[in-house]
């Protein structure tokens, strides 16, 4: 087995903003975290699924943007694959809550977009798109335009487009937050199934406690105002996972523990217990 490699490292990161009145707002304070490669018992690199959980407004999305290279910290350091982050890169893919497909491109062309601008040959693009369309359940919609799709289907496009470039790190900013409960549950299962085949490391932002526990290997719990990591919780449930997990006593016990961590944290904000 190869030695574990650091995928994401955040060292002593702080980030502040100015309010419309010119007041200082401390969004993040002394953030430290590290995510390493994970391996199966057989020694296969399987990536890891980490979740940033905290009340709304605690700086989760700000931290994700720093790791993506879309923003810079006021102090501290962010590294991905042991390299300092100063700008976006192909080693990181990002999925936002707001649907981000290009409305003038078909589903197939949206998925192929990143491949095309990176010079991937047409035949390879078609092969990759065909594989991903099947993987995310969009077969038959290849020539459809985003405006004709439901919210869940648009997020399938966004996930497929991100996976097309095979980034080693996938950053997801509440990607299911705008979906109804049933679609959200379906997308959680889809994400786990597709992720299991990619070996990418996922860092997923949510303020939904049930979602965090169902998806994660470990959960970074954040406090609000300023955001800081107060707990690193291991999720003990084996994979693959199905929806019956949410009904188990052990799941509810962990849910209560996580909620207790959030209640004891300084600051205030909203979290969601379940969908």
Foldseek 3Di string as FASTA:
>chain_A
DDDKFWFKWWAQFWAWDADPVRDIFTAAGGATDIAIFDADPVGHGQAFEEEEAAFPSQNPVVVLCCQQQVDHTPDTFMDGRNHTRNHHDLLEAEAEQDQDFDQVAFLLCSLLVVVVVVPNDPVVSVVLSVVLCVLLVNPPRRGPGPVVDDLLVSSSSSVSSRCSSLHQEYEYEPNCVVDDQVSSQVVLLSVLSVSSPRSHHYYYYALELLSNLQRGQWYFYWAHRHTYGDDIGGRPDDDDDDPVVCVDPVSVVVLVVSVVVRVPGPDDHDGHHGD
